Amino acid sequence: MNDKSLGYSIMLITVLIMIGYFFWSFAPFLGSMFTWLSPYAEWAVKLPILAAVYIMLFIVLWIGYTMATTPPPIPLDNPLDLEREGEKEENK
């Protein structure tokens, strides 16, 4: 499968999900054909909000984990010490 066909497939699947989501969220207002979706219409609002909150909290969790597990940088007494140490290694 090449990139172009993969792109068209992703576009088609996205459009189908958008149409399905529209009917799911507006099922109580669309008539008798979609009455079986009416009890679940409130979940069309709750699930995306829940997913967005969890994604944001996961990002915050990842930042905290990275901060907690990353070793601190080596302190330099003088910023020029770094250049001098580089020169010492070159001379050896």
PDB file of N, CA and C in Angstrom:
ATOM      1  N   MET A   1       0.855  -1.169   0.000  1.00  0.00           N
ATOM      2  CA  MET A   1       0.000   0.000   0.000  1.00  0.00           C
ATOM      3  C   MET A   1       0.904   1.236   0.000  1.00  0.00           C
ATOM      4  N   ASN A   2       0.678   2.109  -0.969  1.00  0.00           N
ATOM      5  CA  ASN A   2       1.507   3.323  -1.022  1.00  0.00           C
ATOM      6  C   ASN A   2       0.907   4.442  -0.174  1.00  0.00           C
ATOM      7  N   ASP A   3       1.638   5.528  -0.050  1.00  0.00           N
ATOM      8  CA  ASP A   3       1.224   6.628   0.818  1.00  0.00           C
ATOM      9  C   ASP A   3      -0.081   7.267   0.362  1.00  0.00           C
ATOM     10  N   LYS A   4      -0.277   7.357  -0.942  1.00  0.00           N
ATOM     11  CA  LYS A   4      -1.474   8.010  -1.463  1.00  0.00           C
ATOM     12  C   LYS A   4      -2.732   7.210  -1.113  1.00  0.00           C
ATOM     13  N   SER A   5      -2.698   5.915  -1.301  1.00  0.00           N
ATOM     14  CA  SER A   5      -3.866   5.102  -0.977  1.00  0.00           C
ATOM     15  C   SER A   5      -4.099   5.048   0.534  1.00  0.00           C
ATOM     16  N   LEU A   6      -3.029   5.049   1.305  1.00  0.00           N
ATOM     17  CA  LEU A   6      -3.173   5.094   2.755  1.00  0.00           C
ATOM     18  C   LEU A   6      -3.822   6.408   3.188  1.00  0.00           C
ATOM     19  N   GLY A   7      -3.413   7.505   2.559  1.00  0.00           N
ATOM     20  CA  GLY A   7      -4.011   8.804   2.869  1.00  0.00           C
ATOM     21  C   GLY A   7      -5.493   8.841   2.546  1.00  0.00           C
ATOM     22  N   TYR A   8      -5.874   8.307   1.374  1.00  0.00           N
ATOM     23  CA  TYR A   8      -7.291   8.269   1.009  1.00  0.00           C
ATOM     24  C   TYR A   8      -8.081   7.356   1.951  1.00  0.00           C
ATOM     25  N   SER A   9      -7.489   6.254   2.381  1.00  0.00           N
ATOM     26  CA  SER A   9      -8.166   5.362   3.318  1.00  0.00           C
ATOM     27  C   SER A   9      -8.406   6.052   4.657  1.00  0.00           C
ATOM     28  N   ILE A  10      -7.389   6.765   5.130  1.00  0.00           N
ATOM     29  CA  ILE A  10      -7.541   7.503   6.394  1.00  0.00           C
ATOM     30  C   ILE A  10      -8.627   8.563   6.261  1.00  0.00           C
ATOM     31  N   MET A  11      -8.651   9.261   5.124  1.00  0.00           N
ATOM     32  CA  MET A  11      -9.684  10.280   4.905  1.00  0.00           C
ATOM     33  C   MET A  11     -11.080   9.655   4.899  1.00  0.00           C
ATOM     34  N   LEU A  12     -11.255   8.528   4.209  1.00  0.00           N
ATOM     35  CA  LEU A  12     -12.559   7.869   4.123  1.00  0.00           C
ATOM     36  C   LEU A  12     -13.024   7.395   5.498  1.00  0.00           C
ATOM     37  N   ILE A  13     -12.127   6.760   6.244  1.00  0.00           N
ATOM     38  CA  ILE A  13     -12.482   6.281   7.581  1.00  0.00           C
ATOM     39  C   ILE A  13     -12.851   7.449   8.488  1.00  0.00           C
ATOM     40  N   THR A  14     -12.126   8.558   8.385  1.00  0.00           N
ATOM     41  CA  THR A  14     -12.415   9.730   9.203  1.00  0.00           C
ATOM     42  C   THR A  14     -13.789  10.302   8.876  1.00  0.00           C
ATOM     43  N   VAL A  15     -14.121  10.392   7.605  1.00  0.00           N
ATOM     44  CA  VAL A  15     -15.434  10.911   7.208  1.00  0.00           C
ATOM     45  C   VAL A  15     -16.541   9.986   7.712  1.00  0.00           C
ATOM     46  N   LEU A  16     -16.347   8.682   7.618  1.00  0.00           N
ATOM     47  CA  LEU A  16     -17.360   7.742   8.119  1.00  0.00           C
ATOM     48  C   LEU A  16     -17.531   7.870   9.630  1.00  0.00           C
ATOM     49  N   ILE A  17     -16.440   8.047  10.346  1.00  0.00           N
ATOM     50  CA  ILE A  17     -16.538   8.239  11.799  1.00  0.00           C
ATOM     51  C   ILE A  17     -17.251   9.547  12.116  1.00  0.00           C
ATOM     52  N   MET A  18     -16.970  10.607  11.349  1.00  0.00           N
ATOM     53  CA  MET A  18     -17.646  11.887  11.571  1.00  0.00           C
ATOM     54  C   MET A  18     -19.153  11.762  11.357  1.00  0.00           C
ATOM     55  N   ILE A  19     -19.556  11.066  10.314  1.00  0.00           N
ATOM     56  CA  ILE A  19     -20.987  10.871  10.041  1.00  0.00           C
ATOM     57  C   ILE A  19     -21.630  10.041  11.152  1.00  0.00           C
ATOM     58  N   GLY A  20     -20.957   8.960  11.546  1.00  0.00           N
ATOM     59  CA  GLY A  20     -21.486   8.130  12.623  1.00  0.00           C
ATOM     60  C   GLY A  20     -21.596   8.885  13.936  1.00  0.00           C
ATOM     61  N   TYR A  21     -20.598   9.698  14.227  1.00  0.00           N
ATOM     62  CA  TYR A  21     -20.624  10.497  15.462  1.00  0.00           C
ATOM     63  C   TYR A  21     -21.764  11.504  15.429  1.00  0.00           C
ATOM     64  N   PHE A  22     -22.023  12.104  14.268  1.00  0.00           N
ATOM     65  CA  PHE A  22     -23.132  13.052  14.144  1.00  0.00           C
ATOM     66  C   PHE A  22     -24.452  12.365  14.464  1.00  0.00           C
ATOM     67  N   PHE A  23     -24.693  11.197  13.861  1.00  0.00           N
ATOM     68  CA  PHE A  23     -25.945  10.487  14.125  1.00  0.00           C
ATOM     69  C   PHE A  23     -26.028  10.005  15.561  1.00  0.00           C
ATOM     70  N   TRP A  24     -24.897   9.629  16.135  1.00  0.00           N
ATOM     71  CA  TRP A  24     -24.878   9.178  17.520  1.00  0.00           C
ATOM     72  C   TRP A  24     -25.232  10.306  18.474  1.00  0.00           C
ATOM     73  N   SER A  25     -24.651  11.489  18.259  1.00  0.00           N
ATOM     74  CA  SER A  25     -24.878  12.592  19.192  1.00  0.00           C
ATOM     75  C   SER A  25     -26.241  13.243  19.026  1.00  0.00           C
ATOM     76  N   PHE A  26     -26.807  13.201  17.819  1.00  0.00           N
ATOM     77  CA  PHE A  26     -28.116  13.832  17.596  1.00  0.00           C
ATOM     78  C   PHE A  26     -29.234  12.817  17.429  1.00  0.00           C
ATOM     79  N   ALA A  27     -29.047  11.594  17.887  1.00  0.00           N
ATOM     80  CA  ALA A  27     -30.046  10.539  17.741  1.00  0.00           C
ATOM     81  C   ALA A  27     -31.412  10.899  18.326  1.00  0.00           C
ATOM     82  N   PRO A  28     -31.487  11.552  19.491  1.00  0.00           N
ATOM     83  CA  PRO A  28     -32.821  11.862  20.028  1.00  0.00           C
ATOM     84  C   PRO A  28     -33.620  12.828  19.149  1.00  0.00           C
ATOM     85  N   PHE A  29     -32.958  13.585  18.303  1.00  0.00           N
ATOM     86  CA  PHE A  29     -33.639  14.588  17.503  1.00  0.00           C
ATOM     87  C   PHE A  29     -33.879  14.155  16.056  1.00  0.00           C
ATOM     88  N   LEU A  30     -33.402  12.974  15.674  1.00  0.00           N
ATOM     89  CA  LEU A  30     -33.457  12.575  14.273  1.00  0.00           C
ATOM     90  C   LEU A  30     -34.657  11.709  13.914  1.00  0.00           C
ATOM     91  N   GLY A  31     -35.443  11.304  14.866  1.00  0.00           N
ATOM     92  CA  GLY A  31     -36.652  10.547  14.557  1.00  0.00           C
ATOM     93  C   GLY A  31     -36.552   9.094  14.967  1.00  0.00           C
ATOM     94  N   SER A  32     -37.541   8.335  14.517  1.00  0.00           N
ATOM     95  CA  SER A  32     -37.703   6.956  14.981  1.00  0.00           C
ATOM     96  C   SER A  32     -36.650   6.000  14.436  1.00  0.00           C
ATOM     97  N   MET A  33     -35.997   6.361  13.358  1.00  0.00           N
ATOM     98  CA  MET A  33     -35.006   5.464  12.781  1.00  0.00           C
ATOM     99  C   MET A  33     -33.798   5.281  13.705  1.00  0.00           C
ATOM    100  N   PHE A  34     -33.515   6.262  14.526  1.00  0.00           N
ATOM    101  CA  PHE A  34     -32.336   6.217  15.395  1.00  0.00           C
ATOM    102  C   PHE A  34     -32.703   6.143  16.877  1.00  0.00           C
ATOM    103  N   THR A  35     -33.875   5.641  17.194  1.00  0.00           N
ATOM    104  CA  THR A  35     -34.276   5.578  18.606  1.00  0.00           C
ATOM    105  C   THR A  35     -33.387   4.633  19.413  1.00  0.00           C
ATOM    106  N   TRP A  36     -32.807   3.645  18.781  1.00  0.00           N
ATOM    107  CA  TRP A  36     -31.943   2.715  19.515  1.00  0.00           C
ATOM    108  C   TRP A  36     -30.662   3.391  19.984  1.00  0.00           C
ATOM    109  N   LEU A  37     -30.307   4.525  19.368  1.00  0.00           N
ATOM    110  CA  LEU A  37     -29.115   5.274  19.787  1.00  0.00           C
ATOM    111  C   LEU A  37     -29.428   6.312  20.859  1.00  0.00           C
ATOM    112  N   SER A  38     -30.679   6.642  21.047  1.00  0.00           N
ATOM    113  CA  SER A  38     -31.055   7.716  21.974  1.00  0.00           C
ATOM    114  C   SER A  38     -30.539   7.523  23.394  1.00  0.00           C
ATOM    115  N   PRO A  39     -30.623   6.327  23.979  1.00  0.00           N
ATOM    116  CA  PRO A  39     -30.120   6.182  25.352  1.00  0.00           C
ATOM    117  C   PRO A  39     -28.614   6.419  25.481  1.00  0.00           C
ATOM    118  N   TYR A  40     -27.879   6.300  24.384  1.00  0.00           N
ATOM    119  CA  TYR A  40     -26.430   6.437  24.426  1.00  0.00           C
ATOM    120  C   TYR A  40     -25.934   7.786  23.915  1.00  0.00           C
ATOM    121  N   ALA A  41     -26.847   8.692  23.608  1.00  0.00           N
ATOM    122  CA  ALA A  41     -26.467   9.973  23.007  1.00  0.00           C
ATOM    123  C   ALA A  41     -25.629  10.823  23.961  1.00  0.00           C
ATOM    124  N   GLU A  42     -25.892  10.746  25.254  1.00  0.00           N
ATOM    125  CA  GLU A  42     -25.110  11.559  26.184  1.00  0.00           C
ATOM    126  C   GLU A  42     -23.649  11.103  26.236  1.00  0.00           C
ATOM    127  N   TRP A  43     -23.391   9.840  25.909  1.00  0.00           N
ATOM    128  CA  TRP A  43     -22.013   9.352  25.877  1.00  0.00           C
ATOM    129  C   TRP A  43     -21.236   9.935  24.710  1.00  0.00           C
ATOM    130  N   ALA A  44     -21.949  10.424  23.696  1.00  0.00           N
ATOM    131  CA  ALA A  44     -21.274  11.078  22.574  1.00  0.00           C
ATOM    132  C   ALA A  44     -20.599  12.366  23.032  1.00  0.00           C
ATOM    133  N   VAL A  45     -21.077  12.941  24.123  1.00  0.00           N
ATOM    134  CA  VAL A  45     -20.461  14.137  24.690  1.00  0.00           C
ATOM    135  C   VAL A  45     -19.452  13.749  25.772  1.00  0.00           C
ATOM    136  N   LYS A  46     -19.814  12.776  26.591  1.00  0.00           N
ATOM    137  CA  LYS A  46     -18.960  12.405  27.723  1.00  0.00           C
ATOM    138  C   LYS A  46     -17.634  11.774  27.289  1.00  0.00           C
ATOM    139  N   LEU A  47     -17.650  10.897  26.313  1.00  0.00           N
ATOM    140  CA  LEU A  47     -16.423  10.195  25.925  1.00  0.00           C
ATOM    141  C   LEU A  47     -15.353  11.113  25.359  1.00  0.00           C
ATOM    142  N   PRO A  48     -15.659  12.049  24.444  1.00  0.00           N
ATOM    143  CA  PRO A  48     -14.587  12.939  23.966  1.00  0.00           C
ATOM    144  C   PRO A  48     -14.022  13.838  25.064  1.00  0.00           C
ATOM    145  N   ILE A  49     -14.880  14.294  25.970  1.00  0.00           N
ATOM    146  CA  ILE A  49     -14.395  15.125  27.075  1.00  0.00           C
ATOM    147  C   ILE A  49     -13.489  14.297  27.986  1.00  0.00           C
ATOM    148  N   LEU A  50     -13.913  13.083  28.294  1.00  0.00           N
ATOM    149  CA  LEU A  50     -13.105  12.194  29.125  1.00  0.00           C
ATOM    150  C   LEU A  50     -11.762  11.898  28.450  1.00  0.00           C
ATOM    151  N   ALA A  51     -11.779  11.647  27.154  1.00  0.00           N
ATOM    152  CA  ALA A  51     -10.534  11.371  26.421  1.00  0.00           C
ATOM    153  C   ALA A  51      -9.614  12.590  26.433  1.00  0.00           C
ATOM    154  N   ALA A  52     -10.172  13.783  26.232  1.00  0.00           N
ATOM    155  CA  ALA A  52      -9.349  14.999  26.225  1.00  0.00           C
ATOM    156  C   ALA A  52      -8.709  15.235  27.590  1.00  0.00           C
ATOM    157  N   VAL A  53      -9.472  15.041  28.661  1.00  0.00           N
ATOM    158  CA  VAL A  53      -8.933  15.230  30.015  1.00  0.00           C
ATOM    159  C   VAL A  53      -7.827  14.213  30.288  1.00  0.00           C
ATOM    160  N   TYR A  54      -8.055  12.957  29.905  1.00  0.00           N
ATOM    161  CA  TYR A  54      -7.042  11.928  30.143  1.00  0.00           C
ATOM    162  C   TYR A  54      -5.782  12.178  29.322  1.00  0.00           C
ATOM    163  N   ILE A  55      -5.915  12.661  28.108  1.00  0.00           N
ATOM    164  CA  ILE A  55      -4.740  12.965  27.286  1.00  0.00           C
ATOM    165  C   ILE A  55      -3.927  14.085  27.931  1.00  0.00           C
ATOM    166  N   MET A  56      -4.598  15.136  28.400  1.00  0.00           N
ATOM    167  CA  MET A  56      -3.881  16.232  29.061  1.00  0.00           C
ATOM    168  C   MET A  56      -3.203  15.742  30.343  1.00  0.00           C
ATOM    169  N   LEU A  57      -3.915  14.938  31.132  1.00  0.00           N
ATOM    170  CA  LEU A  57      -3.323  14.423  32.370  1.00  0.00           C
ATOM    171  C   LEU A  57      -2.157  13.486  32.087  1.00  0.00           C
ATOM    172  N   PHE A  58      -2.225  12.721  31.000  1.00  0.00           N
ATOM    173  CA  PHE A  58      -1.112  11.858  30.640  1.00  0.00           C
ATOM    174  C   PHE A  58       0.117  12.685  30.273  1.00  0.00           C
ATOM    175  N   ILE A  59      -0.092  13.805  29.583  1.00  0.00           N
ATOM    176  CA  ILE A  59       1.030  14.683  29.235  1.00  0.00           C
ATOM    177  C   ILE A  59       1.669  15.245  30.500  1.00  0.00           C
ATOM    178  N   VAL A  60       0.852  15.675  31.449  1.00  0.00           N
ATOM    179  CA  VAL A  60       1.379  16.182  32.716  1.00  0.00           C
ATOM    180  C   VAL A  60       2.118  15.068  33.462  1.00  0.00           C
ATOM    181  N   LEU A  61       1.568  13.857  33.462  1.00  0.00           N
ATOM    182  CA  LEU A  61       2.218  12.711  34.084  1.00  0.00           C
ATOM    183  C   LEU A  61       3.571  12.447  33.436  1.00  0.00           C
ATOM    184  N   TRP A  62       3.637  12.509  32.122  1.00  0.00           N
ATOM    185  CA  TRP A  62       4.891  12.256  31.406  1.00  0.00           C
ATOM    186  C   TRP A  62       5.934  13.327  31.742  1.00  0.00           C
ATOM    187  N   ILE A  63       5.507  14.575  31.834  1.00  0.00           N
ATOM    188  CA  ILE A  63       6.433  15.650  32.204  1.00  0.00           C
ATOM    189  C   ILE A  63       6.971  15.413  33.613  1.00  0.00           C
ATOM    190  N   GLY A  64       6.090  15.060  34.550  1.00  0.00           N
ATOM    191  CA  GLY A  64       6.528  14.779  35.922  1.00  0.00           C
ATOM    192  C   GLY A  64       7.473  13.600  35.991  1.00  0.00           C
ATOM    193  N   TYR A  65       7.182  12.544  35.237  1.00  0.00           N
ATOM    194  CA  TYR A  65       8.057  11.372  35.213  1.00  0.00           C
ATOM    195  C   TYR A  65       9.432  11.734  34.654  1.00  0.00           C
ATOM    196  N   THR A  66       9.438  12.506  33.592  1.00  0.00           N
ATOM    197  CA  THR A  66      10.707  12.912  32.984  1.00  0.00           C
ATOM    198  C   THR A  66      11.519  13.771  33.941  1.00  0.00           C
ATOM    199  N   MET A  67      10.849  14.695  34.625  1.00  0.00           N
ATOM    200  CA  MET A  67      11.555  15.545  35.586  1.00  0.00           C
ATOM    201  C   MET A  67      12.096  14.727  36.758  1.00  0.00           C
ATOM    202  N   ALA A  68      11.342  13.731  37.183  1.00  0.00           N
ATOM    203  CA  ALA A  68      11.752  12.941  38.346  1.00  0.00           C
ATOM    204  C   ALA A  68      12.884  11.974  38.026  1.00  0.00           C
ATOM    205  N   THR A  69      12.972  11.491  36.805  1.00  0.00           N
ATOM    206  CA  THR A  69      13.960  10.471  36.478  1.00  0.00           C
ATOM    207  C   THR A  69      15.183  10.993  35.730  1.00  0.00           C
ATOM    208  N   THR A  70      15.175  12.242  35.310  1.00  0.00           N
ATOM    209  CA  THR A  70      16.319  12.810  34.612  1.00  0.00           C
ATOM    210  C   THR A  70      17.339  13.290  35.641  1.00  0.00           C
ATOM    211  N   PRO A  71      18.585  12.869  35.508  1.00  0.00           N
ATOM    212  CA  PRO A  71      19.588  13.334  36.474  1.00  0.00           C
ATOM    213  C   PRO A  71      19.865  14.823  36.291  1.00  0.00           C
ATOM    214  N   PRO A  72      20.204  15.497  37.383  1.00  0.00           N
ATOM    215  CA  PRO A  72      20.472  16.934  37.272  1.00  0.00           C
ATOM    216  C   PRO A  72      21.754  17.178  36.490  1.00  0.00           C
ATOM    217  N   PRO A  73      21.864  18.343  35.874  1.00  0.00           N
ATOM    218  CA  PRO A  73      23.099  18.643  35.135  1.00  0.00           C
ATOM    219  C   PRO A  73      24.272  18.832  36.092  1.00  0.00           C
ATOM    220  N   ILE A  74      25.458  18.606  35.587  1.00  0.00           N
ATOM    221  CA  ILE A  74      26.671  18.784  36.391  1.00  0.00           C
ATOM    222  C   ILE A  74      26.914  20.281  36.561  1.00  0.00           C
ATOM    223  N   PRO A  75      26.988  20.751  37.792  1.00  0.00           N
ATOM    224  CA  PRO A  75      27.187  22.189  37.990  1.00  0.00           C
ATOM    225  C   PRO A  75      28.606  22.610  37.603  1.00  0.00           C
ATOM    226  N   LEU A  76      28.716  23.747  36.989  1.00  0.00           N
ATOM    227  CA  LEU A  76      30.016  24.323  36.622  1.00  0.00           C
ATOM    228  C   LEU A  76      30.265  25.546  37.493  1.00  0.00           C
ATOM    229  N   ASP A  77      31.447  25.628  38.070  1.00  0.00           N
ATOM    230  CA  ASP A  77      31.791  26.791  38.881  1.00  0.00           C
ATOM    231  C   ASP A  77      31.898  28.026  38.011  1.00  0.00           C
ATOM    232  N   ASN A  78      32.474  27.823  36.855  1.00  0.00           N
ATOM    233  CA  ASN A  78      32.694  28.930  35.941  1.00  0.00           C
ATOM    234  C   ASN A  78      32.373  28.404  34.536  1.00  0.00           C
ATOM    235  N   PRO A  79      31.552  29.101  33.767  1.00  0.00           N
ATOM    236  CA  PRO A  79      31.216  28.600  32.436  1.00  0.00           C
ATOM    237  C   PRO A  79      32.432  28.356  31.546  1.00  0.00           C
ATOM    238  N   LEU A  80      33.546  29.032  31.811  1.00  0.00           N
ATOM    239  CA  LEU A  80      34.744  28.832  31.007  1.00  0.00           C
ATOM    240  C   LEU A  80      35.420  27.504  31.315  1.00  0.00           C
ATOM    241  N   ASP A  81      35.088  26.874  32.457  1.00  0.00           N
ATOM    242  CA  ASP A  81      35.674  25.584  32.804  1.00  0.00           C
ATOM    243  C   ASP A  81      35.369  24.537  31.743  1.00  0.00           C
ATOM    244  N   LEU A  82      34.225  24.618  31.143  1.00  0.00           N
ATOM    245  CA  LEU A  82      33.840  23.657  30.117  1.00  0.00           C
ATOM    246  C   LEU A  82      34.784  23.750  28.922  1.00  0.00           C
ATOM    247  N   GLU A  83      35.124  24.976  28.528  1.00  0.00           N
ATOM    248  CA  GLU A  83      36.033  25.150  27.398  1.00  0.00           C
ATOM    249  C   GLU A  83      37.434  24.657  27.758  1.00  0.00           C
ATOM    250  N   ARG A  84      37.872  24.914  28.955  1.00  0.00           N
ATOM    251  CA  ARG A  84      39.208  24.484  29.370  1.00  0.00           C
ATOM    252  C   ARG A  84      39.308  22.966  29.421  1.00  0.00           C
ATOM    253  N   GLU A  85      38.248  22.307  29.889  1.00  0.00           N
ATOM    254  CA  GLU A  85      38.271  20.848  29.954  1.00  0.00           C
ATOM    255  C   GLU A  85      38.309  20.273  28.541  1.00  0.00           C
ATOM    256  N   GLY A  86      37.635  20.905  27.602  1.00  0.00           N
ATOM    257  CA  GLY A  86      37.684  20.457  26.229  1.00  0.00           C
ATOM    258  C   GLY A  86      39.089  20.591  25.656  1.00  0.00           C
ATOM    259  N   GLU A  87      39.771  21.662  26.029  1.00  0.00           N
ATOM    260  CA  GLU A  87      41.145  21.864  25.564  1.00  0.00           C
ATOM    261  C   GLU A  87      42.085  20.838  26.175  1.00  0.00           C
ATOM    262  N   LYS A  88      41.873  20.469  27.450  1.00  0.00           N
ATOM    263  CA  LYS A  88      42.704  19.482  28.112  1.00  0.00           C
ATOM    264  C   LYS A  88      42.570  18.127  27.416  1.00  0.00           C
ATOM    265  N   GLU A  89      41.360  17.765  27.031  1.00  0.00           N
ATOM    266  CA  GLU A  89      41.138  16.471  26.385  1.00  0.00           C
ATOM    267  C   GLU A  89      41.792  16.447  24.999  1.00  0.00           C
ATOM    268  N   GLU A  90      41.799  17.575  24.306  1.00  0.00           N
ATOM    269  CA  GLU A  90      42.400  17.646  22.980  1.00  0.00           C
ATOM    270  C   GLU A  90      43.921  17.522  23.084  1.00  0.00           C
ATOM    271  N   ASN A  91      44.510  18.071  24.127  1.00  0.00           N
ATOM    272  CA  ASN A  91      45.971  18.043  24.294  1.00  0.00           C
ATOM    273  C   ASN A  91      46.488  16.663  24.655  1.00  0.00           C
ATOM    274  N   LYS A  92      45.662  15.822  25.213  1.00  0.00           N
ATOM    275  CA  LYS A  92      46.105  14.481  25.652  1.00  0.00           C
ATOM    276  C   LYS A  92      46.309  13.558  24.514  1.00  0.00           C
TER     277      LYS A  92
END
